[in-house]
C-alpha atoms as a PDB file:
ATOM      1  CA  MET A   1      14.338  27.756  -4.818  1.00  0.00           C
ATOM      2  CA  THR A   2      12.194  24.461  -4.908  1.00  0.00           C
ATOM      3  CA  VAL A   3       9.486  23.976  -2.196  1.00  0.00           C
ATOM      4  CA  GLU A   4       7.087  21.065  -2.015  1.00  0.00           C
ATOM      5  CA  ASP A   5       3.800  20.415   0.173  1.00  0.00           C
ATOM      6  CA  THR A   6       1.596  17.367   0.265  1.00  0.00           C
ATOM      7  CA  ALA A   7      -1.781  16.160   1.504  1.00  0.00           C
ATOM      8  CA  ALA A   8      -3.178  12.501   1.614  1.00  0.00           C
ATOM      9  CA  ALA A   9      -5.993  12.499  -0.624  1.00  0.00           C
ATOM     10  CA  PRO A  10      -7.594   9.065  -1.402  1.00  0.00           C
ATOM     11  CA  ARG A  11      -9.883  10.424  -4.090  1.00  0.00           C
ATOM     12  CA  GLU A  12      -8.693  12.424  -7.225  1.00  0.00           C
ATOM     13  CA  PRO A  13     -10.183  15.701  -7.574  1.00  0.00           C
ATOM     14  CA  PRO A  14     -11.967  17.040 -10.577  1.00  0.00           C
ATOM     15  CA  ALA A  15      -9.428  18.474 -13.033  1.00  0.00           C
ATOM     16  CA  GLU A  16     -11.410  21.734 -13.428  1.00  0.00           C
ATOM     17  CA  GLN A  17     -11.175  22.235  -9.462  1.00  0.00           C
ATOM     18  CA  LEU A  18      -7.541  21.303  -9.241  1.00  0.00           C
ATOM     19  CA  ARG A  19      -6.858  24.181 -11.901  1.00  0.00           C
ATOM     20  CA  ASP A  20      -9.287  26.674 -10.523  1.00  0.00           C
ATOM     21  CA  LEU A  21      -9.726  26.433  -6.717  1.00  0.00           C
ATOM     22  CA  PHE A  22      -6.811  27.832  -5.277  1.00  0.00           C
ATOM     23  CA  TRP A  23      -7.451  31.324  -7.137  1.00  0.00           C
ATOM     24  CA  VAL A  24     -10.800  31.271  -5.533  1.00  0.00           C
ATOM     25  CA  GLU A  25     -10.054  30.281  -2.126  1.00  0.00           C
ATOM     26  CA  ILE A  26      -6.824  32.495  -1.527  1.00  0.00           C
ATOM     27  CA  ARG A  27      -8.854  35.208  -0.159  1.00  0.00           C
ATOM     28  CA  ARG A  28     -10.465  33.149   2.426  1.00  0.00           C
ATOM     29  CA  LEU A  29      -7.184  31.074   3.325  1.00  0.00           C
ATOM     30  CA  THR A  30      -5.258  34.351   4.084  1.00  0.00           C
ATOM     31  CA  LEU A  31      -8.320  35.722   5.913  1.00  0.00           C
ATOM     32  CA  GLY A  32      -8.975  38.597   3.311  1.00  0.00           C
ATOM     33  CA  LEU A  33      -5.342  39.484   3.123  1.00  0.00           C
ATOM     34  CA  LEU A  34      -4.699  38.343  -0.223  1.00  0.00           C
ATOM     35  CA  ARG A  35      -6.763  38.088  -3.451  1.00  0.00           C
ATOM     36  CA  ALA A  36      -6.478  36.728  -6.940  1.00  0.00           C
ATOM     37  CA  ARG A  37      -7.256  38.808  -9.777  1.00  0.00           C
ATOM     38  CA  GLY A  38      -6.653  37.026 -12.977  1.00  0.00           C
ATOM     39  CA  ARG A  39      -3.585  35.112 -12.888  1.00  0.00           C
ATOM     40  CA  ARG A  40      -2.156  37.639 -10.063  1.00  0.00           C
ATOM     41  CA  ILE A  41      -1.833  37.389  -6.513  1.00  0.00           C
ATOM     42  CA  GLU A  42      -2.418  41.044  -4.880  1.00  0.00           C
ATOM     43  CA  LEU A  43      -1.887  42.478  -1.550  1.00  0.00           C
ATOM     44  CA  GLY A  44      -4.029  45.752  -1.863  1.00  0.00           C
ATOM     45  CA  PRO A  45      -3.031  47.555  -5.063  1.00  0.00           C
ATOM     46  CA  LEU A  46       0.395  45.355  -5.124  1.00  0.00           C
ATOM     47  CA  THR A  47       0.781  42.463  -7.389  1.00  0.00           C
ATOM     48  CA  LEU A  48       2.962  39.993  -5.249  1.00  0.00           C
ATOM     49  CA  LEU A  49       3.077  37.388  -7.959  1.00  0.00           C
ATOM     50  CA  SER A  50       1.832  36.956 -11.521  1.00  0.00           C
ATOM     51  CA  PHE A  51       1.522  33.701 -13.566  1.00  0.00           C
ATOM     52  CA  GLY A  52       1.204  32.617 -17.078  1.00  0.00           C
ATOM     53  CA  PRO A  53      -1.769  30.712 -18.428  1.00  0.00           C
ATOM     54  CA  PRO A  54      -2.542  27.175 -17.069  1.00  0.00           C
ATOM     55  CA  ARG A  55      -0.701  24.205 -18.761  1.00  0.00           C
ATOM     56  CA  ALA A  56      -2.009  20.743 -18.246  1.00  0.00           C
ATOM     57  CA  THR A  57       0.584  18.426 -16.881  1.00  0.00           C
ATOM     58  CA  PRO A  58       0.373  14.433 -15.978  1.00  0.00           C
ATOM     59  CA  GLY A  59      -2.159  14.395 -13.227  1.00  0.00           C
ATOM     60  CA  GLY A  60      -2.491  18.218 -12.699  1.00  0.00           C
ATOM     61  CA  TRP A  61      -1.847  21.736 -13.828  1.00  0.00           C
ATOM     62  CA  CYS A  62       1.236  24.027 -14.194  1.00  0.00           C
ATOM     63  CA  TRP A  63       1.640  28.026 -14.211  1.00  0.00           C
ATOM     64  CA  GLU A  64       4.936  29.735 -15.190  1.00  0.00           C
ATOM     65  CA  ILE A  65       5.811  32.611 -12.613  1.00  0.00           C
ATOM     66  CA  THR A  66       6.207  35.793 -14.836  1.00  0.00           C
ATOM     67  CA  GLY A  67       6.965  38.314 -12.040  1.00  0.00           C
ATOM     68  CA  GLY A  68       5.885  40.022  -9.060  1.00  0.00           C
ATOM     69  CA  LEU A  69       7.161  42.203  -6.174  1.00  0.00           C
ATOM     70  CA  ILE A  70       8.159  39.144  -4.263  1.00  0.00           C
ATOM     71  CA  ALA A  71      10.163  37.556  -7.250  1.00  0.00           C
ATOM     72  CA  ARG A  72      13.611  38.806  -7.999  1.00  0.00           C
ATOM     73  CA  SER A  73      13.076  37.851 -11.651  1.00  0.00           C
ATOM     74  CA  PRO A  74      10.573  36.055 -13.778  1.00  0.00           C
ATOM     75  CA  GLY A  75      11.108  32.144 -13.824  1.00  0.00           C
ATOM     76  CA  GLY A  76      10.154  28.937 -12.514  1.00  0.00           C
ATOM     77  CA  GLU A  77       6.718  27.589 -12.043  1.00  0.00           C
ATOM     78  CA  LEU A  78       3.814  26.576  -9.901  1.00  0.00           C
ATOM     79  CA  ARG A  79       2.410  23.020 -10.056  1.00  0.00           C
ATOM     80  CA  TYR A  80      -0.543  21.261  -8.468  1.00  0.00           C
ATOM     81  CA  SER A  81      -1.116  17.649  -9.037  1.00  0.00           C
ATOM     82  CA  TRP A  82      -2.887  14.290  -7.739  1.00  0.00           C
ATOM     83  CA  SER A  83      -1.149  10.866  -7.871  1.00  0.00           C
ATOM     84  CA  ASP A  84      -0.967   7.686  -5.860  1.00  0.00           C
ATOM     85  CA  GLY A  85      -3.358   8.947  -3.340  1.00  0.00           C
ATOM     86  CA  GLU A  86      -1.745  12.231  -2.487  1.00  0.00           C
ATOM     87  CA  LEU A  87      -2.028  16.065  -3.709  1.00  0.00           C
ATOM     88  CA  ARG A  88       1.407  17.553  -4.338  1.00  0.00           C
ATOM     89  CA  ALA A  89       1.926  21.535  -4.757  1.00  0.00           C
ATOM     90  CA  ILE A  90       5.500  22.355  -6.067  1.00  0.00           C
ATOM     91  CA  VAL A  91       7.049  25.509  -6.589  1.00  0.00           C
ATOM     92  CA  ASP A  92      10.061  24.891  -8.775  1.00  0.00           C
ATOM     93  CA  ASP A  93      12.955  27.392  -9.357  1.00  0.00           C
ATOM     94  CA  TYR A  94      11.284  30.008  -7.732  1.00  0.00           C
ATOM     95  CA  ARG A  95      13.672  33.108  -7.222  1.00  0.00           C
ATOM     96  CA  PRO A  96      12.526  35.178  -4.257  1.00  0.00           C
ATOM     97  CA  LEU A  97      13.310  38.734  -3.901  1.00  0.00           C
ATOM     98  CA  LEU A  98      14.191  38.231  -0.193  1.00  0.00           C
ATOM     99  CA  PRO A  99      18.055  36.871   0.599  1.00  0.00           C
ATOM    100  CA  GLY A 100      17.862  33.241   1.689  1.00  0.00           C
ATOM    101  CA  PRO A 101      17.831  33.158   5.198  1.00  0.00           C
ATOM    102  CA  LEU A 102      15.253  36.093   5.337  1.00  0.00           C
ATOM    103  CA  TYR A 103      13.047  34.235   2.995  1.00  0.00           C
ATOM    104  CA  ARG A 104      13.267  30.917   4.984  1.00  0.00           C
ATOM    105  CA  LEU A 105      12.294  32.912   8.275  1.00  0.00           C
ATOM    106  CA  VAL A 106       9.603  35.097   6.649  1.00  0.00           C
ATOM    107  CA  GLN A 107       7.962  33.909   3.491  1.00  0.00           C
ATOM    108  CA  LEU A 108       8.486  30.411   3.547  1.00  0.00           C
ATOM    109  CA  PRO A 109       6.346  29.506   6.600  1.00  0.00           C
ATOM    110  CA  LEU A 110       3.616  31.383   5.278  1.00  0.00           C
ATOM    111  CA  HIS A 111       3.823  29.721   1.857  1.00  0.00           C
ATOM    112  CA  HIS A 112       3.924  26.189   3.821  1.00  0.00           C
ATOM    113  CA  LEU A 113       0.767  27.239   5.873  1.00  0.00           C
ATOM    114  CA  ILE A 114      -1.362  28.713   2.855  1.00  0.00           C
ATOM    115  CA  THR A 115      -0.383  25.944   0.418  1.00  0.00           C
ATOM    116  CA  ARG A 116      -1.072  23.000   2.946  1.00  0.00           C
ATOM    117  CA  LEU A 117      -4.425  24.662   4.022  1.00  0.00           C
ATOM    118  CA  TYR A 118      -5.339  24.796   0.319  1.00  0.00           C
ATOM    119  CA  LEU A 119      -4.505  21.176  -0.319  1.00  0.00           C
ATOM    120  CA  LEU A 120      -6.509  19.864   2.607  1.00  0.00           C
ATOM    121  CA  ARG A 121      -9.558  22.082   1.418  1.00  0.00           C
ATOM    122  CA  LEU A 122      -9.051  20.630  -2.053  1.00  0.00           C
ATOM    123  CA  ARG A 123      -8.870  17.351  -0.468  1.00  0.00           C
ATOM    124  CA  GLY A 124     -12.086  17.792   1.384  1.00  0.00           C
ATOM    125  CA  PRO A 125     -13.536  15.923   4.525  1.00  0.00           C
ATOM    126  CA  GLU A 126     -14.465  12.866   3.029  1.00  0.00           C
ATOM    127  CA  PRO A 127     -13.421  10.189   3.435  1.00  0.00           C
ATOM    128  CA  ALA A 128     -12.509  10.929   6.923  1.00  0.00           C
ATOM    129  CA  ALA A 129      -9.322  10.083   8.365  1.00  0.00           C
ATOM    130  CA  GLY A 130     -10.561   8.726  11.504  1.00  0.00           C
ATOM    131  CA  PRO A 131     -13.688   8.717  13.777  1.00  0.00           C
ATOM    132  CA  PRO A 132     -14.842  12.166  14.976  1.00  0.00           C
ATOM    133  CA  ALA A 133     -14.600  12.937  18.761  1.00  0.00           C
ATOM    134  CA  GLU A 134     -17.624  12.319  20.850  1.00  0.00           C
ATOM    135  CA  PRO A 135     -19.023  15.713  22.416  1.00  0.00           C
ATOM    136  CA  GLY A 136     -19.124  14.248  25.839  1.00  0.00           C
ATOM    137  CA  ARG A 137     -15.361  13.064  25.702  1.00  0.00           C
ATOM    138  CA  VAL A 138     -14.418  16.605  24.152  1.00  0.00           C
ATOM    139  CA  ARG A 139     -16.108  18.281  27.195  1.00  0.00           C
ATOM    140  CA  ALA A 140     -14.326  16.002  29.537  1.00  0.00           C
ATOM    141  CA  ALA A 141     -10.819  16.599  28.159  1.00  0.00           C
ATOM    142  CA  ALA A 142     -11.407  20.448  28.158  1.00  0.00           C
ATOM    143  CA  ALA A 143     -12.463  19.947  31.900  1.00  0.00           C
ATOM    144  CA  VAL A 144      -9.176  18.083  32.424  1.00  0.00           C
ATOM    145  CA  ASP A 145      -7.249  20.939  30.783  1.00  0.00           C
ATOM    146  CA  LEU A 146      -9.231  23.635  32.677  1.00  0.00           C
ATOM    147  CA  GLY A 147      -8.492  21.929  36.111  1.00  0.00           C
ATOM    148  CA  LEU A 148      -4.361  21.896  35.226  1.00  0.00           C
ATOM    149  CA  CYS A 149      -4.382  25.381  34.206  1.00  0.00           C
ATOM    150  CA  LEU A 150      -6.308  26.805  37.165  1.00  0.00           C
ATOM    151  CA  GLY A 151      -3.822  24.653  39.306  1.00  0.00           C
ATOM    152  CA  VAL A 152      -0.984  26.134  37.942  1.00  0.00           C
ATOM    153  CA  ILE A 153      -2.419  29.545  38.318  1.00  0.00           C
ATOM    154  CA  ALA A 154      -3.163  28.782  41.966  1.00  0.00           C
ATOM    155  CA  LEU A 155       0.447  27.661  42.600  1.00  0.00           C
ATOM    156  CA  LEU A 156       2.015  30.890  40.671  1.00  0.00           C
ATOM    157  CA  ARG A 157      -0.642  33.665  42.303  1.00  0.00           C
ATOM    158  CA  PRO A 158      -0.051  36.160  39.521  1.00  0.00           C
ATOM    159  CA  GLN A 159      -1.227  39.578  39.885  1.00  0.00           C
ATOM    160  CA  ARG A 160      -3.678  39.518  37.036  1.00  0.00           C
ATOM    161  CA  PRO A 161      -5.037  35.719  37.427  1.00  0.00           C
ATOM    162  CA  VAL A 162      -7.582  36.077  34.768  1.00  0.00           C
ATOM    163  CA  ARG A 163      -5.381  37.323  31.991  1.00  0.00           C
ATOM    164  CA  SER A 164      -2.584  35.092  33.255  1.00  0.00           C
ATOM    165  CA  ALA A 165      -5.161  31.948  33.054  1.00  0.00           C
ATOM    166  CA  LEU A 166      -6.191  32.863  29.518  1.00  0.00           C
ATOM    167  CA  ALA A 167      -2.611  33.464  28.429  1.00  0.00           C
ATOM    168  CA  LEU A 168      -1.543  30.139  29.885  1.00  0.00           C
ATOM    169  CA  ALA A 169      -4.593  28.072  28.603  1.00  0.00           C
ATOM    170  CA  ALA A 170      -3.480  29.626  24.955  1.00  0.00           C
ATOM    171  CA  ALA A 171      -0.042  28.756  25.236  1.00  0.00           C
ATOM    172  CA  TYR A 172      -0.648  25.491  26.652  1.00  0.00           C
ATOM    173  CA  ARG A 173      -3.030  24.440  23.976  1.00  0.00           C
ATOM    174  CA  ALA A 174      -1.310  25.614  20.923  1.00  0.00           C
ATOM    175  CA  THR A 175       2.083  24.100  22.099  1.00  0.00           C
ATOM    176  CA  CYS A 176       0.429  20.750  23.154  1.00  0.00           C
ATOM    177  CA  TRP A 177      -1.131  20.567  19.529  1.00  0.00           C
ATOM    178  CA  THR A 178       2.073  21.570  17.615  1.00  0.00           C
ATOM    179  CA  LEU A 179       4.233  19.067  19.774  1.00  0.00           C
ATOM    180  CA  ALA A 180       2.109  16.077  20.383  1.00  0.00           C
ATOM    181  CA  GLY A 181      -1.175  16.691  18.666  1.00  0.00           C
ATOM    182  CA  ARG A 182      -3.190  16.669  21.625  1.00  0.00           C
ATOM    183  CA  THR A 183      -3.206  18.388  25.374  1.00  0.00           C
ATOM    184  CA  LEU A 184      -2.938  16.306  28.490  1.00  0.00           C
ATOM    185  CA  GLY A 185      -6.683  16.240  28.914  1.00  0.00           C
ATOM    186  CA  GLN A 186      -7.049  15.025  25.333  1.00  0.00           C
ATOM    187  CA  ARG A 187      -4.683  12.370  25.614  1.00  0.00           C
ATOM    188  CA  ALA A 188      -6.332  10.963  28.812  1.00  0.00           C
ATOM    189  CA  LEU A 189      -9.639  10.918  26.931  1.00  0.00           C
ATOM    190  CA  GLY A 190      -8.133   9.285  23.663  1.00  0.00           C
ATOM    191  CA  LEU A 191      -8.402  12.371  21.381  1.00  0.00           C
ATOM    192  CA  ARG A 192      -6.046  13.936  18.796  1.00  0.00           C
ATOM    193  CA  VAL A 193      -6.187  17.055  16.830  1.00  0.00           C
ATOM    194  CA  ALA A 194      -5.245  16.228  13.353  1.00  0.00           C
ATOM    195  CA  ALA A 195      -5.646  17.930   9.758  1.00  0.00           C
ATOM    196  CA  LEU A 196      -8.120  16.431   7.407  1.00  0.00           C
ATOM    197  CA  ASP A 197      -5.852  13.964   5.933  1.00  0.00           C
ATOM    198  CA  GLY A 198      -4.899  12.544   9.633  1.00  0.00           C
ATOM    199  CA  ARG A 199      -1.465  14.033   9.543  1.00  0.00           C
ATOM    200  CA  PRO A 200       0.068  16.234  12.309  1.00  0.00           C
ATOM    201  CA  VAL A 201      -0.718  20.028  12.553  1.00  0.00           C
ATOM    202  CA  GLY A 202       1.654  22.727  12.148  1.00  0.00           C
ATOM    203  CA  ARG A 203       2.232  25.879  14.310  1.00  0.00           C
ATOM    204  CA  GLY A 204      -0.013  27.676  11.847  1.00  0.00           C
ATOM    205  CA  GLN A 205      -2.787  25.466  11.834  1.00  0.00           C
ATOM    206  CA  ALA A 206      -2.680  25.102  15.636  1.00  0.00           C
ATOM    207  CA  LEU A 207      -2.813  28.916  16.070  1.00  0.00           C
ATOM    208  CA  ILE A 208      -5.666  29.047  13.334  1.00  0.00           C
ATOM    209  CA  ARG A 209      -7.622  26.444  15.557  1.00  0.00           C
ATOM    210  CA  LEU A 210      -6.791  27.928  18.682  1.00  0.00           C
ATOM    211  CA  ILE A 211      -8.100  31.760  17.417  1.00  0.00           C
ATOM    212  CA  GLY A 212     -11.268  30.347  15.905  1.00  0.00           C
ATOM    213  CA  GLY A 213     -12.318  28.089  18.914  1.00  0.00           C
ATOM    214  CA  GLY A 214     -11.987  24.897  16.622  1.00  0.00           C
ATOM    215  CA  ARG A 215     -14.294  26.375  13.995  1.00  0.00           C
ATOM    216  CA  ALA A 216     -11.879  28.890  11.821  1.00  0.00           C
ATOM    217  CA  SER A 217     -10.073  26.325   9.790  1.00  0.00           C
ATOM    218  CA  ALA A 218     -12.369  23.524   8.149  1.00  0.00           C
ATOM    219  CA  THR A 219      -8.809  21.851   7.656  1.00  0.00           C
ATOM    220  CA  VAL A 220      -8.239  20.896  11.017  1.00  0.00           C
ATOM    221  CA  VAL A 221     -10.501  18.353  13.094  1.00  0.00           C
ATOM    222  CA  LEU A 222     -10.593  16.704  16.653  1.00  0.00           C
ATOM    223  CA  ARG A 223     -10.830  13.003  16.324  1.00  0.00           C
ATOM    224  CA  ALA A 224     -10.862   9.831  18.529  1.00  0.00           C
ATOM    225  CA  ASP A 225      -8.170   7.474  18.425  1.00  0.00           C
END
């Protein structure tokens, strides 16, 4: 199994940061669910994956996968590197414990989300991929979206209007951010939700932004077109 994730990064990060930051940040990236101890990724008392010592490679670092509960057998490697304005994370020849279809359904989306968030955090907010949204335009876009949601609720007349309105607003925003990068209100005001490198956000990043009111993830921003 080979998996690759990337993030645009005009500036090369320091070699030590490229080698060490993931192990420091994994607890924050997983909202405290996972932690790194030594070269082990742990869930409570369980070692999910273990790795060998880092080995320098052209433009980055590599760790051999030595075992863990979610590895069927030792083998494969994890690589982080930077070249030509792009950060890359590659897991090569990994042997997951889960069968292929179940791995792709359950484990792979989480891997992509955590890895993408890490690469964006490693990239940092500068240089910005676009101009930040002006507060007045943000409020105006939110007012347009609120009016749309309230209009739909008025037409449907549900038994629990407040709860229904909250559910509709959450689903509407997350869906719009994932499919188009912006809600109808944000489109009208020329705004777009994007990752730090300017690329579209995925489902996981959209949900993180929704849950945190835009503040939970420092890797997703609202920018002007």
